[in-house]
Amino acid sequence: EPQNKVGPHLVGIFGRPAGSVEDFKYSDAIKESGITWNDETLSAFLADPRTYIKGNRMAYAGLKKDEDIANLLAYLKQESAS
C-alpha cells in the first residue's frame, strides 16, 4: 500500500482530485483548489507551486525547465501505473 511521507503518495495521481488522499493533512488551499491532476495541471504546479495554488505549504520552488517537467510526468505515469 502506498505510504504518505513529507507529501501524499503519488500512486494514481493522474485523474485524482487535489487534496484527496486519505490520512494526509493538506493545506486548505490544496483541498479547496478544485483541481484534478493531469498533464496540464501538474505541469503548471511543478513549474511554480506557490503561484499555481496560492497558500499551499509546498516548500519547493518548482522546476524551471520544460524538459525536466516532461521527464517527471513520464516517470510519474510509469510508476503510478503499477
C-alpha atoms as a PDB file:
ATOM      1  CA  GLU A   1       0.000   0.000   0.000  1.00  0.00           C
ATOM      2  CA  PRO A   2       1.341   3.476  -0.864  1.00  0.00           C
ATOM      3  CA  GLN A   3       2.784   5.472   2.023  1.00  0.00           C
ATOM      4  CA  ASN A   4       2.375   9.178   2.719  1.00  0.00           C
ATOM      5  CA  LYS A   5       5.640  10.808   3.773  1.00  0.00           C
ATOM      6  CA  VAL A   6       6.523  14.521   3.576  1.00  0.00           C
ATOM      7  CA  GLY A   7       3.853  14.730   0.883  1.00  0.00           C
ATOM      8  CA  PRO A   8       0.956  12.498  -0.125  1.00  0.00           C
ATOM      9  CA  HIS A   9       1.741   9.360  -2.104  1.00  0.00           C
ATOM     10  CA  LEU A  10       1.700   9.849  -5.872  1.00  0.00           C
ATOM     11  CA  VAL A  11       0.384   6.440  -6.947  1.00  0.00           C
ATOM     12  CA  GLY A  12      -2.528   7.042  -9.312  1.00  0.00           C
ATOM     13  CA  ILE A  13      -2.093  10.819  -9.268  1.00  0.00           C
ATOM     14  CA  PHE A  14      -3.348  11.296 -12.845  1.00  0.00           C
ATOM     15  CA  GLY A  15      -7.099  11.894 -12.721  1.00  0.00           C
ATOM     16  CA  ARG A  16      -7.099  12.299  -8.934  1.00  0.00           C
ATOM     17  CA  PRO A  17      -8.578  15.441  -7.365  1.00  0.00           C
ATOM     18  CA  ALA A  18      -6.005  17.540  -5.499  1.00  0.00           C
ATOM     19  CA  GLY A  19      -6.174  17.116  -1.744  1.00  0.00           C
ATOM     20  CA  SER A  20      -7.976  13.765  -1.818  1.00  0.00           C
ATOM     21  CA  VAL A  21      -5.509  11.209  -0.405  1.00  0.00           C
ATOM     22  CA  GLU A  22      -6.815   9.892   2.895  1.00  0.00           C
ATOM     23  CA  ASP A  23      -4.698  10.349   6.014  1.00  0.00           C
ATOM     24  CA  PHE A  24      -2.669  13.263   4.642  1.00  0.00           C
ATOM     25  CA  LYS A  25      -3.002  16.732   6.155  1.00  0.00           C
ATOM     26  CA  TYR A  26      -3.322  19.076   3.182  1.00  0.00           C
ATOM     27  CA  SER A  27      -3.383  22.857   3.290  1.00  0.00           C
ATOM     28  CA  ASP A  28      -6.820  24.393   2.815  1.00  0.00           C
ATOM     29  CA  ALA A  29      -5.501  25.887  -0.439  1.00  0.00           C
ATOM     30  CA  ILE A  30      -4.896  22.420  -1.915  1.00  0.00           C
ATOM     31  CA  LYS A  31      -8.128  20.920  -0.553  1.00  0.00           C
ATOM     32  CA  GLU A  32     -10.235  23.779  -1.907  1.00  0.00           C
ATOM     33  CA  SER A  33      -8.428  24.197  -5.244  1.00  0.00           C
ATOM     34  CA  GLY A  34     -10.925  22.173  -7.295  1.00  0.00           C
ATOM     35  CA  ILE A  35      -8.016  20.883  -9.388  1.00  0.00           C
ATOM     36  CA  THR A  36      -7.822  17.415 -10.882  1.00  0.00           C
ATOM     37  CA  TRP A  37      -4.267  16.317 -11.601  1.00  0.00           C
ATOM     38  CA  ASN A  38      -3.461  15.783 -15.285  1.00  0.00           C
ATOM     39  CA  ASP A  39      -0.597  16.733 -17.630  1.00  0.00           C
ATOM     40  CA  GLU A  40      -1.645  20.382 -17.784  1.00  0.00           C
ATOM     41  CA  THR A  41      -2.334  20.955 -14.077  1.00  0.00           C
ATOM     42  CA  LEU A  42       0.724  19.021 -12.898  1.00  0.00           C
ATOM     43  CA  SER A  43       2.960  20.863 -15.383  1.00  0.00           C
ATOM     44  CA  ALA A  44       1.747  24.242 -14.145  1.00  0.00           C
ATOM     45  CA  PHE A  45       2.034  23.213 -10.493  1.00  0.00           C
ATOM     46  CA  LEU A  46       5.518  21.748 -10.899  1.00  0.00           C
ATOM     47  CA  ALA A  47       6.726  24.882 -12.678  1.00  0.00           C
ATOM     48  CA  ASP A  48       5.604  27.207  -9.870  1.00  0.00           C
ATOM     49  CA  PRO A  49       3.707  25.561  -6.993  1.00  0.00           C
ATOM     50  CA  ARG A  50       3.349  28.702  -4.885  1.00  0.00           C
ATOM     51  CA  THR A  51       1.780  30.748  -7.665  1.00  0.00           C
ATOM     52  CA  TYR A  52      -0.345  27.984  -9.197  1.00  0.00           C
ATOM     53  CA  ILE A  53      -2.094  27.239  -5.899  1.00  0.00           C
ATOM     54  CA  LYS A  54      -1.641  30.282  -3.681  1.00  0.00           C
ATOM     55  CA  GLY A  55      -1.436  29.496   0.025  1.00  0.00           C
ATOM     56  CA  ASN A  56      -0.233  25.903  -0.284  1.00  0.00           C
ATOM     57  CA  ARG A  57       2.517  24.716   2.056  1.00  0.00           C
ATOM     58  CA  MET A  58       4.743  23.050  -0.524  1.00  0.00           C
ATOM     59  CA  ALA A  59       8.323  24.090   0.290  1.00  0.00           C
ATOM     60  CA  TYR A  60       9.528  23.691  -3.266  1.00  0.00           C
ATOM     61  CA  ALA A  61      10.367  26.455  -5.717  1.00  0.00           C
ATOM     62  CA  GLY A  62       9.475  24.439  -8.828  1.00  0.00           C
ATOM     63  CA  LEU A  63      11.155  23.032 -11.930  1.00  0.00           C
ATOM     64  CA  LYS A  64      12.295  25.661 -14.405  1.00  0.00           C
ATOM     65  CA  LYS A  65      12.954  23.516 -17.493  1.00  0.00           C
ATOM     66  CA  ASP A  66      10.040  22.182 -19.562  1.00  0.00           C
ATOM     67  CA  GLU A  67      12.121  19.100 -20.348  1.00  0.00           C
ATOM     68  CA  ASP A  68      12.523  18.318 -16.627  1.00  0.00           C
ATOM     69  CA  ILE A  69       8.765  18.665 -16.102  1.00  0.00           C
ATOM     70  CA  ALA A  70       8.041  16.381 -19.075  1.00  0.00           C
ATOM     71  CA  ASN A  71      10.503  13.794 -17.757  1.00  0.00           C
ATOM     72  CA  LEU A  72       8.962  13.912 -14.278  1.00  0.00           C
ATOM     73  CA  LEU A  73       5.435  13.489 -15.691  1.00  0.00           C
ATOM     74  CA  ALA A  74       6.604  10.492 -17.761  1.00  0.00           C
ATOM     75  CA  TYR A  75       8.169   8.962 -14.642  1.00  0.00           C
ATOM     76  CA  LEU A  76       5.027   9.528 -12.572  1.00  0.00           C
ATOM     77  CA  LYS A  77       2.848   7.960 -15.267  1.00  0.00           C
ATOM     78  CA  GLN A  78       5.110   4.912 -15.448  1.00  0.00           C
ATOM     79  CA  GLU A  79       5.345   4.482 -11.677  1.00  0.00           C
ATOM     80  CA  SER A  80       1.697   5.198 -10.886  1.00  0.00           C
ATOM     81  CA  ALA A  81       0.531   2.609 -13.403  1.00  0.00           C
ATOM     82  CA  SER A  82       1.963  -0.238 -11.331  1.00  0.00           C
END
